[in-house]
């Protein structure tokens, strides 16, 4: 009787271990796709953790970043996409636009009357519930400031598509961080003429 009881306990213990192993195996195989991306996806442009804050768990994920530059004009695109169809992506491009006109245009985009805005010096960000825009003055190589109709700048348009891990203020913050990281990376990659020290991050967004 005692031997039988010990045997049952041993079997139950083995069953528990197998169940725990199965759970961890599931988590590793089916939810850790983003964790297997490089620490800095898109050719080093963004932090993986920033994308992970915005995107839900998935079995697998992929990323890509590509820079095109010609005759003083440039375009950098980046995306992180999960097997579940969720995406965080952004595009950076050269633009001839004054900061005020840029702000007025992008503040009117989206589904809210008053977007959340932050700035650090002359770096500006306008953030909607699922989209973020960043503006940084930037004179590309081969251009002269006086040649601009308004002002040479680098602008970022970032967004999420599909399901997200977080919503509201948390998603806005993740998008703002993602867009800012793209701006900082591209500014250095295209060698904008202005000498600039970028802060590690923009000021945290106020609650919407």
N, C-alpha and C. Protein backbone atom coordinates (compact mmCIF):
# COMPACT_ATOMS: atom_id res chain seq x y z
N UNK A 1 0.83 -1.20 0.00
CA UNK A 1 0.00 0.00 0.00
C UNK A 1 0.87 1.26 0.00
N UNK A 2 1.85 1.27 0.92
CA UNK A 2 2.76 2.40 1.00
C UNK A 2 3.58 2.54 -0.28
N UNK A 3 4.01 1.39 -0.84
CA UNK A 3 4.79 1.41 -2.08
C UNK A 3 3.96 1.97 -3.22
N UNK A 4 2.68 1.58 -3.26
CA UNK A 4 1.78 2.05 -4.30
C UNK A 4 1.58 3.56 -4.19
N UNK A 5 1.47 4.04 -2.91
CA UNK A 5 1.26 5.47 -2.71
C UNK A 5 2.47 6.27 -3.17
N UNK A 6 3.67 5.77 -2.86
CA UNK A 6 4.90 6.44 -3.29
C UNK A 6 5.00 6.48 -4.80
N UNK A 7 4.56 5.39 -5.41
CA UNK A 7 4.61 5.31 -6.87
C UNK A 7 3.68 6.35 -7.49
N UNK A 8 2.48 6.48 -6.90
CA UNK A 8 1.52 7.46 -7.41
C UNK A 8 2.04 8.89 -7.26
N UNK A 9 2.69 9.14 -6.09
CA UNK A 9 3.26 10.47 -5.87
C UNK A 9 4.34 10.77 -6.89
N UNK A 10 5.19 9.73 -7.15
CA UNK A 10 6.27 9.91 -8.12
C UNK A 10 5.71 10.19 -9.51
N UNK A 11 4.67 9.47 -9.87
CA UNK A 11 4.04 9.66 -11.19
C UNK A 11 3.44 11.06 -11.29
N UNK A 12 2.79 11.49 -10.18
CA UNK A 12 2.20 12.82 -10.17
C UNK A 12 3.28 13.90 -10.30
N UNK A 13 4.40 13.68 -9.64
CA UNK A 13 5.50 14.64 -9.72
C UNK A 13 6.06 14.73 -11.12
N UNK A 14 6.22 13.58 -11.75
CA UNK A 14 6.71 13.56 -13.13
C UNK A 14 5.74 14.28 -14.05
N UNK A 15 4.44 14.06 -13.79
CA UNK A 15 3.42 14.72 -14.60
C UNK A 15 3.48 16.22 -14.48
N UNK A 16 3.70 16.70 -13.24
CA UNK A 16 3.81 18.14 -13.03
C UNK A 16 5.02 18.72 -13.75
N UNK A 17 6.15 18.00 -13.68
CA UNK A 17 7.36 18.45 -14.36
C UNK A 17 7.14 18.52 -15.87
N UNK A 18 6.47 17.51 -16.40
CA UNK A 18 6.19 17.51 -17.83
C UNK A 18 5.28 18.67 -18.23
N UNK A 19 4.29 18.95 -17.36
CA UNK A 19 3.38 20.05 -17.65
C UNK A 19 4.12 21.38 -17.64
N UNK A 20 4.99 21.58 -16.65
CA UNK A 20 5.78 22.80 -16.58
C UNK A 20 6.70 22.93 -17.80
N UNK A 21 7.33 21.80 -18.17
CA UNK A 21 8.21 21.81 -19.34
C UNK A 21 7.42 22.15 -20.60
N UNK A 22 6.20 21.63 -20.67
CA UNK A 22 5.37 21.90 -21.85
C UNK A 22 5.02 23.38 -21.93
N UNK A 23 4.70 23.99 -20.77
CA UNK A 23 4.36 25.41 -20.75
C UNK A 23 5.55 26.25 -21.19
N UNK A 24 6.73 25.96 -20.61
CA UNK A 24 7.91 26.72 -20.98
C UNK A 24 8.29 26.49 -22.43
N UNK A 25 8.10 25.27 -22.90
CA UNK A 25 8.39 24.97 -24.30
C UNK A 25 7.47 25.74 -25.22
N UNK A 26 6.20 25.84 -24.83
CA UNK A 26 5.24 26.61 -25.63
C UNK A 26 5.64 28.07 -25.68
N UNK A 27 5.98 28.62 -24.50
CA UNK A 27 6.37 30.02 -24.45
C UNK A 27 7.59 30.29 -25.32
N UNK A 28 8.55 29.37 -25.29
CA UNK A 28 9.78 29.55 -26.04
C UNK A 28 9.54 29.47 -27.54
N UNK A 29 8.68 28.54 -27.95
CA UNK A 29 8.47 28.29 -29.38
C UNK A 29 7.46 29.25 -29.98
N UNK A 30 6.39 29.56 -29.23
CA UNK A 30 5.28 30.27 -29.83
C UNK A 30 5.14 31.73 -29.41
N UNK A 31 5.91 32.22 -28.45
CA UNK A 31 5.72 33.60 -28.01
C UNK A 31 7.00 34.42 -27.98
N UNK A 32 8.13 33.85 -28.30
CA UNK A 32 9.40 34.56 -28.13
C UNK A 32 10.03 35.00 -29.45
N UNK A 33 9.20 35.16 -30.49
CA UNK A 33 9.75 35.51 -31.79
C UNK A 33 10.52 36.82 -31.80
N UNK A 34 9.98 37.85 -31.15
CA UNK A 34 10.64 39.16 -31.14
C UNK A 34 11.97 39.08 -30.40
N UNK A 35 12.02 38.25 -29.35
CA UNK A 35 13.25 38.13 -28.56
C UNK A 35 14.41 37.55 -29.37
N UNK A 36 14.11 36.89 -30.47
CA UNK A 36 15.17 36.29 -31.28
C UNK A 36 15.67 37.23 -32.38
N UNK A 37 15.12 38.43 -32.44
CA UNK A 37 15.63 39.44 -33.38
C UNK A 37 16.94 40.01 -32.84
N UNK A 38 17.71 40.70 -33.68
CA UNK A 38 18.92 41.37 -33.18
C UNK A 38 18.58 42.37 -32.08
N UNK A 39 19.54 42.67 -31.22
CA UNK A 39 19.32 43.65 -30.16
C UNK A 39 18.89 45.00 -30.74
N UNK A 40 19.43 45.33 -31.91
CA UNK A 40 19.07 46.58 -32.56
C UNK A 40 18.67 46.29 -34.01
N UNK A 41 17.39 46.07 -34.26
CA UNK A 41 16.92 45.76 -35.62
C UNK A 41 17.10 46.94 -36.56
N UNK A 42 16.83 46.68 -37.84
CA UNK A 42 16.89 47.70 -38.89
C UNK A 42 18.27 48.33 -38.99
N UNK A 43 19.28 47.46 -39.14
CA UNK A 43 20.67 47.93 -39.29
C UNK A 43 21.12 48.78 -38.11
N UNK A 44 20.63 48.44 -36.92
CA UNK A 44 21.05 49.15 -35.72
C UNK A 44 20.26 50.41 -35.42
N UNK A 45 19.15 50.63 -36.11
CA UNK A 45 18.42 51.90 -35.97
C UNK A 45 17.63 52.00 -34.67
N UNK A 46 17.02 50.91 -34.23
CA UNK A 46 16.09 50.98 -33.10
C UNK A 46 16.43 49.91 -32.06
N UNK A 47 15.91 50.09 -30.86
CA UNK A 47 16.06 49.09 -29.81
C UNK A 47 14.99 48.03 -29.97
N UNK A 48 15.41 46.76 -29.90
CA UNK A 48 14.44 45.67 -29.98
C UNK A 48 13.36 45.80 -28.91
N UNK A 49 13.74 46.22 -27.70
CA UNK A 49 12.79 46.32 -26.62
C UNK A 49 11.71 47.36 -26.90
N UNK A 50 12.05 48.37 -27.68
CA UNK A 50 11.04 49.38 -28.03
C UNK A 50 9.96 48.74 -28.90
N UNK A 51 10.38 47.94 -29.87
CA UNK A 51 9.41 47.23 -30.71
C UNK A 51 8.61 46.23 -29.88
N UNK A 52 9.29 45.55 -28.95
CA UNK A 52 8.62 44.54 -28.12
C UNK A 52 7.58 45.17 -27.20
N UNK A 53 7.79 46.41 -26.79
CA UNK A 53 6.80 47.10 -25.96
C UNK A 53 5.49 47.31 -26.73
N UNK A 54 5.61 47.50 -28.04
CA UNK A 54 4.43 47.81 -28.84
C UNK A 54 3.74 46.58 -29.42
N UNK A 55 4.51 45.54 -29.75
CA UNK A 55 3.97 44.40 -30.48
C UNK A 55 3.65 43.24 -29.55
N UNK A 56 2.60 42.48 -29.84
CA UNK A 56 2.26 41.32 -29.02
C UNK A 56 3.22 40.17 -29.26
N UNK A 57 3.21 39.19 -28.35
CA UNK A 57 4.05 38.00 -28.50
C UNK A 57 3.66 37.25 -29.77
N UNK A 58 4.63 36.57 -30.36
CA UNK A 58 4.38 35.84 -31.60
C UNK A 58 5.40 34.73 -31.74
N UNK A 59 5.07 33.75 -32.57
CA UNK A 59 5.97 32.62 -32.79
C UNK A 59 7.26 33.06 -33.45
N UNK A 60 7.17 34.00 -34.38
CA UNK A 60 8.37 34.48 -35.08
C UNK A 60 8.19 35.94 -35.44
N UNK A 61 9.29 36.57 -35.79
CA UNK A 61 9.26 37.97 -36.19
C UNK A 61 10.39 38.21 -37.17
N UNK A 62 10.23 39.24 -37.98
CA UNK A 62 11.27 39.62 -38.93
C UNK A 62 11.43 41.13 -38.93
N UNK A 63 12.60 41.59 -39.39
CA UNK A 63 12.88 43.02 -39.41
C UNK A 63 13.71 43.36 -40.64
N UNK A 64 13.63 44.62 -41.02
CA UNK A 64 14.45 45.07 -42.14
C UNK A 64 14.61 46.58 -42.09
N UNK A 65 15.79 47.04 -42.39
CA UNK A 65 16.04 48.47 -42.52
C UNK A 65 16.84 48.74 -43.77
N UNK A 66 16.47 49.80 -44.49
CA UNK A 66 17.18 50.08 -45.74
C UNK A 66 17.27 51.58 -45.96
N UNK A 67 18.46 52.04 -46.32
CA UNK A 67 18.72 53.46 -46.58
C UNK A 67 19.00 53.67 -48.05
N UNK A 68 18.31 54.64 -48.64
CA UNK A 68 18.59 55.08 -50.01
C UNK A 68 18.95 56.57 -49.96
N UNK A 69 20.05 56.93 -50.59
CA UNK A 69 20.49 58.31 -50.58
C UNK A 69 21.06 58.68 -51.94
N UNK A 70 20.63 59.82 -52.48
CA UNK A 70 21.10 60.25 -53.79
C UNK A 70 20.90 61.75 -53.94
N UNK A 71 21.94 62.45 -54.40
CA UNK A 71 21.86 63.88 -54.69
C UNK A 71 21.33 64.70 -53.51
N UNK A 72 21.74 64.34 -52.31
CA UNK A 72 21.33 65.09 -51.14
C UNK A 72 19.96 64.75 -50.60
N UNK A 73 19.25 63.86 -51.26
CA UNK A 73 17.96 63.40 -50.77
C UNK A 73 18.12 61.99 -50.20
N UNK A 74 17.35 61.68 -49.18
CA UNK A 74 17.50 60.36 -48.57
C UNK A 74 16.16 59.81 -48.09
N UNK A 75 16.13 58.52 -47.97
CA UNK A 75 14.94 57.81 -47.46
C UNK A 75 15.42 56.58 -46.71
N UNK A 76 14.96 56.42 -45.48
CA UNK A 76 15.28 55.23 -44.70
C UNK A 76 13.98 54.60 -44.23
N UNK A 77 13.83 53.31 -44.50
CA UNK A 77 12.63 52.60 -44.08
C UNK A 77 12.99 51.47 -43.12
N UNK A 78 12.13 51.24 -42.14
CA UNK A 78 12.37 50.20 -41.14
C UNK A 78 11.05 49.56 -40.75
N UNK A 79 11.05 48.24 -40.61
CA UNK A 79 9.85 47.59 -40.06
C UNK A 79 10.24 46.40 -39.20
N UNK A 80 9.41 46.13 -38.21
CA UNK A 80 9.47 44.90 -37.42
C UNK A 80 8.08 44.29 -37.51
N UNK A 81 8.00 43.05 -37.99
CA UNK A 81 6.71 42.41 -38.25
C UNK A 81 6.67 41.04 -37.59
N UNK A 82 5.57 40.73 -36.93
CA UNK A 82 5.42 39.43 -36.28
C UNK A 82 4.64 38.47 -37.19
N UNK A 83 4.75 37.18 -36.86
CA UNK A 83 4.02 36.17 -37.63
C UNK A 83 2.51 36.32 -37.47
N UNK A 84 2.08 37.04 -36.45
CA UNK A 84 0.65 37.29 -36.25
C UNK A 84 0.13 38.46 -37.06
N UNK A 85 0.99 39.13 -37.80
CA UNK A 85 0.56 40.22 -38.66
C UNK A 85 0.64 41.60 -38.03
N UNK A 86 1.19 41.69 -36.84
CA UNK A 86 1.37 43.00 -36.20
C UNK A 86 2.67 43.63 -36.69
N UNK A 87 2.64 44.95 -36.90
CA UNK A 87 3.79 45.65 -37.46
C UNK A 87 4.02 46.96 -36.73
N UNK A 88 5.27 47.29 -36.51
CA UNK A 88 5.65 48.66 -36.17
C UNK A 88 6.68 49.07 -37.22
N UNK A 89 6.46 50.21 -37.84
CA UNK A 89 7.32 50.60 -38.95
C UNK A 89 7.44 52.11 -39.03
N UNK A 90 8.42 52.56 -39.78
CA UNK A 90 8.60 53.99 -39.95
C UNK A 90 9.44 54.32 -41.16
N UNK A 91 9.25 55.52 -41.67
CA UNK A 91 10.04 56.02 -42.78
C UNK A 91 10.64 57.37 -42.40
N UNK A 92 11.89 57.56 -42.79
CA UNK A 92 12.59 58.82 -42.56
C UNK A 92 12.97 59.38 -43.92
N UNK A 93 12.75 60.68 -44.13
CA UNK A 93 13.11 61.24 -45.42
C UNK A 93 13.52 62.70 -45.28
N UNK A 94 14.27 63.16 -46.27
CA UNK A 94 14.64 64.57 -46.33
C UNK A 94 13.42 65.37 -46.78
N UNK A 95 13.33 66.58 -46.25
CA UNK A 95 12.17 67.41 -46.56
C UNK A 95 12.57 68.88 -46.51
N UNK A 96 11.88 69.70 -47.29
CA UNK A 96 12.05 71.15 -47.26
C UNK A 96 10.78 71.71 -46.61
N UNK A 97 10.84 71.92 -45.29
CA UNK A 97 9.65 72.35 -44.57
C UNK A 97 10.04 73.08 -43.30
N UNK A 98 9.40 74.19 -43.03
CA UNK A 98 9.61 74.91 -41.78
C UNK A 98 8.94 74.14 -40.65
N UNK A 99 9.47 74.22 -39.43
CA UNK A 99 8.90 73.44 -38.33
C UNK A 99 7.44 73.77 -38.02
N UNK A 100 7.07 75.05 -38.14
CA UNK A 100 5.69 75.42 -37.85
C UNK A 100 4.70 74.80 -38.83
N UNK A 101 5.03 74.86 -40.11
CA UNK A 101 4.14 74.28 -41.13
C UNK A 101 4.09 72.76 -40.99
N UNK A 102 5.25 72.17 -40.69
CA UNK A 102 5.28 70.71 -40.47
C UNK A 102 4.37 70.34 -39.31
N UNK A 103 4.48 71.05 -38.21
CA UNK A 103 3.67 70.76 -37.02
C UNK A 103 2.19 70.91 -37.33
N UNK A 104 1.80 72.00 -37.98
CA UNK A 104 0.39 72.26 -38.26
C UNK A 104 -0.20 71.15 -39.12
N UNK A 105 0.57 70.66 -40.10
CA UNK A 105 0.05 69.61 -40.98
C UNK A 105 -0.14 68.30 -40.23
N UNK A 106 0.88 67.87 -39.49
CA UNK A 106 0.80 66.56 -38.84
C UNK A 106 -0.04 66.57 -37.58
N UNK A 107 -0.25 67.72 -36.98
CA UNK A 107 -1.15 67.79 -35.83
C UNK A 107 -2.60 67.55 -36.23
N UNK A 108 -2.88 67.75 -37.51
CA UNK A 108 -4.25 67.56 -38.00
C UNK A 108 -4.52 66.14 -38.46
N UNK A 109 -3.49 65.29 -38.49
CA UNK A 109 -3.67 63.91 -38.91
C UNK A 109 -4.24 63.08 -37.77
N UNK A 110 -4.92 61.98 -38.09
CA UNK A 110 -5.40 61.07 -37.06
C UNK A 110 -6.83 61.34 -36.64
N UNK A 111 -7.19 60.80 -35.48
CA UNK A 111 -8.58 60.80 -35.05
C UNK A 111 -8.80 61.58 -33.75
N UNK A 112 -7.82 62.34 -33.30
CA UNK A 112 -7.99 63.14 -32.09
C UNK A 112 -7.77 64.60 -32.44
N UNK A 113 -8.45 65.47 -31.70
CA UNK A 113 -8.34 66.89 -31.99
C UNK A 113 -6.98 67.43 -31.58
N UNK A 114 -6.54 67.06 -30.39
CA UNK A 114 -5.29 67.56 -29.85
C UNK A 114 -4.29 66.43 -29.66
N UNK A 115 -3.31 66.28 -30.54
CA UNK A 115 -2.29 65.26 -30.37
C UNK A 115 -1.37 65.62 -29.21
N UNK A 116 -0.62 64.65 -28.74
CA UNK A 116 0.36 64.88 -27.70
C UNK A 116 1.65 65.35 -28.36
N UNK A 117 2.29 66.38 -27.81
CA UNK A 117 3.51 66.92 -28.41
C UNK A 117 4.61 67.07 -27.36
N UNK A 118 5.84 66.81 -27.78
CA UNK A 118 7.01 67.05 -26.94
C UNK A 118 8.13 67.57 -27.82
N UNK A 119 9.13 68.19 -27.19
CA UNK A 119 10.28 68.68 -27.96
C UNK A 119 11.51 68.68 -27.08
N UNK A 120 12.66 68.66 -27.74
CA UNK A 120 13.95 68.80 -27.07
C UNK A 120 14.77 69.73 -27.95
N UNK A 121 14.90 71.00 -27.52
CA UNK A 121 15.53 71.97 -28.40
C UNK A 121 14.70 72.14 -29.66
N UNK A 122 15.34 71.97 -30.83
CA UNK A 122 14.60 72.11 -32.09
C UNK A 122 14.13 70.77 -32.65
N UNK A 123 14.22 69.70 -31.86
CA UNK A 123 13.66 68.40 -32.25
C UNK A 123 12.23 68.33 -31.74
N UNK A 124 11.31 68.03 -32.63
CA UNK A 124 9.90 68.05 -32.27
C UNK A 124 9.24 66.71 -32.58
N UNK A 125 8.22 66.37 -31.77
CA UNK A 125 7.45 65.15 -32.00
C UNK A 125 5.97 65.45 -31.81
N UNK A 126 5.17 64.93 -32.72
CA UNK A 126 3.71 65.00 -32.63
C UNK A 126 3.21 63.55 -32.64
N UNK A 127 2.43 63.18 -31.63
CA UNK A 127 2.07 61.76 -31.47
C UNK A 127 0.56 61.60 -31.35
N UNK A 128 0.01 60.76 -32.21
CA UNK A 128 -1.40 60.38 -32.19
C UNK A 128 -1.53 58.99 -31.57
N UNK A 129 -2.74 58.47 -31.40
CA UNK A 129 -2.90 57.17 -30.75
C UNK A 129 -2.14 56.03 -31.40
N UNK A 130 -2.00 56.02 -32.71
CA UNK A 130 -1.30 54.92 -33.36
C UNK A 130 -0.29 55.41 -34.40
N UNK A 131 0.17 56.66 -34.25
CA UNK A 131 1.11 57.21 -35.22
C UNK A 131 1.96 58.28 -34.54
N UNK A 132 3.22 58.37 -34.97
CA UNK A 132 4.13 59.37 -34.39
C UNK A 132 4.92 60.03 -35.50
N UNK A 133 5.15 61.33 -35.35
CA UNK A 133 5.90 62.11 -36.32
C UNK A 133 7.02 62.86 -35.59
N UNK A 134 8.20 62.91 -36.19
CA UNK A 134 9.34 63.61 -35.60
C UNK A 134 9.96 64.52 -36.66
N UNK A 135 10.41 65.69 -36.20
CA UNK A 135 11.03 66.68 -37.07
C UNK A 135 12.39 67.06 -36.49
N UNK A 136 13.43 67.00 -37.33
CA UNK A 136 14.78 67.39 -36.92
C UNK A 136 15.39 68.23 -38.04
N UNK A 137 15.81 69.48 -37.77
CA UNK A 137 16.52 70.25 -38.80
C UNK A 137 17.75 69.49 -39.28
N UNK A 138 17.93 69.41 -40.59
CA UNK A 138 19.03 68.63 -41.16
C UNK A 138 19.33 69.13 -42.57
N UNK A 139 20.52 69.66 -42.75
CA UNK A 139 20.97 70.02 -44.10
C UNK A 139 21.80 68.87 -44.64
N UNK A 140 21.31 68.16 -45.68
CA UNK A 140 22.03 67.00 -46.20
C UNK A 140 23.36 67.41 -46.84
N UNK A 141 24.29 66.49 -46.96
CA UNK A 141 25.54 66.77 -47.67
C UNK A 141 25.26 67.26 -49.09
N UNK A 142 26.03 68.22 -49.54
CA UNK A 142 25.86 68.73 -50.89
C UNK A 142 24.82 69.83 -51.02
N UNK A 143 24.10 70.14 -49.93
CA UNK A 143 23.10 71.21 -49.95
C UNK A 143 23.60 72.41 -49.15
N UNK A 144 23.05 73.57 -49.44
CA UNK A 144 23.33 74.77 -48.67
C UNK A 144 22.03 75.25 -48.04
N UNK A 145 22.11 75.66 -46.80
CA UNK A 145 20.90 76.07 -46.09
C UNK A 145 20.11 77.11 -46.85
N UNK A 146 20.80 78.07 -47.46
CA UNK A 146 20.10 79.12 -48.17
C UNK A 146 19.36 78.66 -49.41
N UNK A 147 19.64 77.45 -49.86
CA UNK A 147 18.96 76.93 -51.05
C UNK A 147 17.56 76.43 -50.74
N UNK A 148 17.27 76.17 -49.46
CA UNK A 148 15.96 75.64 -49.09
C UNK A 148 14.88 76.69 -49.29
N UNK A 149 13.76 76.27 -49.80
CA UNK A 149 12.61 77.18 -49.94
C UNK A 149 12.13 77.62 -48.57
N UNK A 150 12.09 76.65 -47.60
CA UNK A 150 11.71 76.96 -46.23
C UNK A 150 12.86 76.59 -45.27
N UNK A 151 13.06 75.27 -45.05
CA UNK A 151 14.15 74.81 -44.17
C UNK A 151 14.38 73.34 -44.41
N UNK A 152 15.63 72.94 -44.55
CA UNK A 152 15.94 71.53 -44.73
C UNK A 152 15.72 70.79 -43.41
N UNK A 153 15.12 69.62 -43.51
CA UNK A 153 14.82 68.86 -42.31
C UNK A 153 14.78 67.37 -42.61
N UNK A 154 14.86 66.62 -41.56
CA UNK A 154 14.67 65.17 -41.58
C UNK A 154 13.36 64.92 -40.86
N UNK A 155 12.45 64.17 -41.47
CA UNK A 155 11.17 63.89 -40.83
C UNK A 155 10.91 62.40 -40.75
N UNK A 156 10.19 62.00 -39.73
CA UNK A 156 9.87 60.59 -39.50
C UNK A 156 8.36 60.42 -39.41
N UNK A 157 7.88 59.36 -40.03
CA UNK A 157 6.47 58.96 -39.94
C UNK A 157 6.47 57.50 -39.49
N UNK A 158 6.00 57.24 -38.27
CA UNK A 158 5.99 55.87 -37.73
C UNK A 158 4.58 55.50 -37.30
N UNK A 159 4.27 54.20 -37.38
CA UNK A 159 2.94 53.74 -37.02
C UNK A 159 2.94 52.26 -36.64
N UNK A 160 1.83 51.80 -36.09
CA UNK A 160 1.60 50.37 -35.87
C UNK A 160 0.45 49.92 -36.75
N UNK A 161 0.50 48.64 -37.11
CA UNK A 161 -0.57 48.02 -37.91
C UNK A 161 -0.96 46.73 -37.21
N UNK A 162 -2.23 46.47 -37.08
CA UNK A 162 -2.68 45.23 -36.46
C UNK A 162 -2.73 45.33 -34.94
N UNK A 163 -2.76 44.17 -34.29
CA UNK A 163 -2.85 44.11 -32.83
C UNK A 163 -1.58 44.67 -32.19
N UNK A 164 -1.76 45.31 -31.04
CA UNK A 164 -0.63 45.82 -30.29
C UNK A 164 -0.65 45.28 -28.86
N UNK A 165 0.52 45.27 -28.22
CA UNK A 165 0.61 44.78 -26.85
C UNK A 165 -0.03 45.76 -25.87
N UNK A 166 0.17 47.06 -26.12
CA UNK A 166 -0.33 48.09 -25.23
C UNK A 166 -1.19 49.07 -26.02
N UNK A 167 -1.87 49.94 -25.30
CA UNK A 167 -2.75 50.92 -25.94
C UNK A 167 -2.62 52.25 -25.21
N UNK A 168 -3.29 53.26 -25.74
CA UNK A 168 -3.33 54.54 -25.06
C UNK A 168 -1.97 55.17 -24.91
N UNK A 169 -1.71 55.72 -23.70
CA UNK A 169 -0.47 56.44 -23.45
C UNK A 169 0.77 55.56 -23.63
N UNK A 170 0.67 54.28 -23.26
CA UNK A 170 1.83 53.39 -23.38
C UNK A 170 2.20 53.18 -24.85
N UNK A 171 1.19 53.02 -25.70
CA UNK A 171 1.48 52.84 -27.12
C UNK A 171 2.03 54.13 -27.72
N UNK A 172 1.47 55.25 -27.35
CA UNK A 172 1.99 56.53 -27.84
C UNK A 172 3.47 56.68 -27.49
N UNK A 173 3.83 56.32 -26.25
CA UNK A 173 5.21 56.46 -25.83
C UNK A 173 6.13 55.54 -26.61
N UNK A 174 5.70 54.29 -26.82
CA UNK A 174 6.52 53.35 -27.59
C UNK A 174 6.72 53.86 -29.02
N UNK A 175 5.67 54.40 -29.62
CA UNK A 175 5.77 54.93 -30.98
C UNK A 175 6.69 56.15 -31.04
N UNK A 176 6.56 57.03 -30.05
CA UNK A 176 7.42 58.21 -30.01
C UNK A 176 8.89 57.80 -29.89
N UNK A 177 9.17 56.81 -29.04
CA UNK A 177 10.55 56.35 -28.87
C UNK A 177 11.07 55.72 -30.16
N UNK A 178 10.24 54.91 -30.81
CA UNK A 178 10.61 54.25 -32.06
C UNK A 178 10.94 55.30 -33.13
N UNK A 179 10.07 56.29 -33.27
CA UNK A 179 10.28 57.33 -34.29
C UNK A 179 11.54 58.14 -33.99
N UNK A 180 11.76 58.46 -32.73
CA UNK A 180 12.95 59.23 -32.36
C UNK A 180 14.23 58.45 -32.63
N UNK A 181 14.22 57.15 -32.32
CA UNK A 181 15.39 56.32 -32.59
C UNK A 181 15.69 56.28 -34.08
N UNK A 182 14.66 56.21 -34.90
CA UNK A 182 14.86 56.25 -36.36
C UNK A 182 15.48 57.58 -36.78
N UNK A 183 15.00 58.67 -36.20
CA UNK A 183 15.53 59.99 -36.55
C UNK A 183 17.00 60.10 -36.18
N UNK A 184 17.34 59.68 -34.98
CA UNK A 184 18.72 59.79 -34.50
C UNK A 184 19.67 58.95 -35.35
N UNK A 185 19.24 57.73 -35.69
CA UNK A 185 20.07 56.84 -36.50
C UNK A 185 20.29 57.41 -37.90
N UNK A 186 19.22 57.86 -38.53
CA UNK A 186 19.32 58.34 -39.91
C UNK A 186 20.11 59.63 -39.98
N UNK A 187 19.95 60.51 -39.01
CA UNK A 187 20.70 61.76 -38.97
C UNK A 187 22.19 61.49 -39.06
N UNK A 188 22.65 60.51 -38.30
CA UNK A 188 24.07 60.18 -38.30
C UNK A 188 24.46 59.43 -39.58
N UNK A 189 23.57 58.56 -40.06
CA UNK A 189 23.88 57.75 -41.23
C UNK A 189 24.03 58.59 -42.50
N UNK A 190 23.22 59.64 -42.62
CA UNK A 190 23.30 60.47 -43.83
C UNK A 190 24.23 61.66 -43.65
N UNK A 191 24.77 61.82 -42.45
CA UNK A 191 25.78 62.85 -42.18
C UNK A 191 25.23 64.26 -42.41
N UNK A 192 24.15 64.57 -41.71
CA UNK A 192 23.62 65.94 -41.78
C UNK A 192 24.70 66.93 -41.37
N UNK A 193 24.70 68.10 -41.98
CA UNK A 193 25.80 69.05 -41.79
C UNK A 193 25.84 69.69 -40.41
N UNK A 194 24.69 69.88 -39.77
CA UNK A 194 24.66 70.51 -38.46
C UNK A 194 25.32 69.61 -37.42
N UNK A 195 26.11 70.21 -36.57
CA UNK A 195 26.70 69.47 -35.46
C UNK A 195 25.66 69.37 -34.34
N UNK A 196 25.33 68.14 -33.93
CA UNK A 196 24.23 67.97 -32.98
C UNK A 196 24.53 66.84 -32.01
N UNK A 197 24.23 67.08 -30.75
CA UNK A 197 24.29 66.02 -29.74
C UNK A 197 22.87 65.62 -29.39
N UNK A 198 22.52 64.40 -29.71
CA UNK A 198 21.16 63.93 -29.45
C UNK A 198 21.02 63.47 -28.00
N UNK A 199 19.94 63.85 -27.34
CA UNK A 199 19.68 63.25 -26.02
C UNK A 199 19.36 61.77 -26.19
N UNK A 200 19.52 61.00 -25.13
CA UNK A 200 19.24 59.57 -25.20
C UNK A 200 17.80 59.32 -25.62
N UNK A 201 16.90 60.16 -25.16
CA UNK A 201 15.49 60.02 -25.51
C UNK A 201 14.83 61.38 -25.42
N UNK A 202 13.66 61.49 -26.04
CA UNK A 202 12.86 62.71 -25.90
C UNK A 202 12.22 62.76 -24.52
N UNK A 203 11.79 63.92 -24.08
CA UNK A 203 11.03 63.97 -22.82
C UNK A 203 9.84 63.03 -22.88
N UNK A 204 9.48 62.46 -21.73
CA UNK A 204 8.34 61.55 -21.70
C UNK A 204 7.05 62.29 -22.04
N UNK A 205 6.16 61.63 -22.75
CA UNK A 205 4.92 62.25 -23.17
C UNK A 205 4.01 62.52 -21.98
N UNK A 206 3.35 63.65 -21.99
CA UNK A 206 2.31 63.87 -20.97
C UNK A 206 1.11 62.99 -21.27
N UNK A 207 0.31 62.72 -20.28
CA UNK A 207 -0.90 61.91 -20.49
C UNK A 207 -1.83 62.62 -21.47
N UNK A 208 -2.41 61.83 -22.37
CA UNK A 208 -3.31 62.42 -23.36
C UNK A 208 -4.62 62.84 -22.71
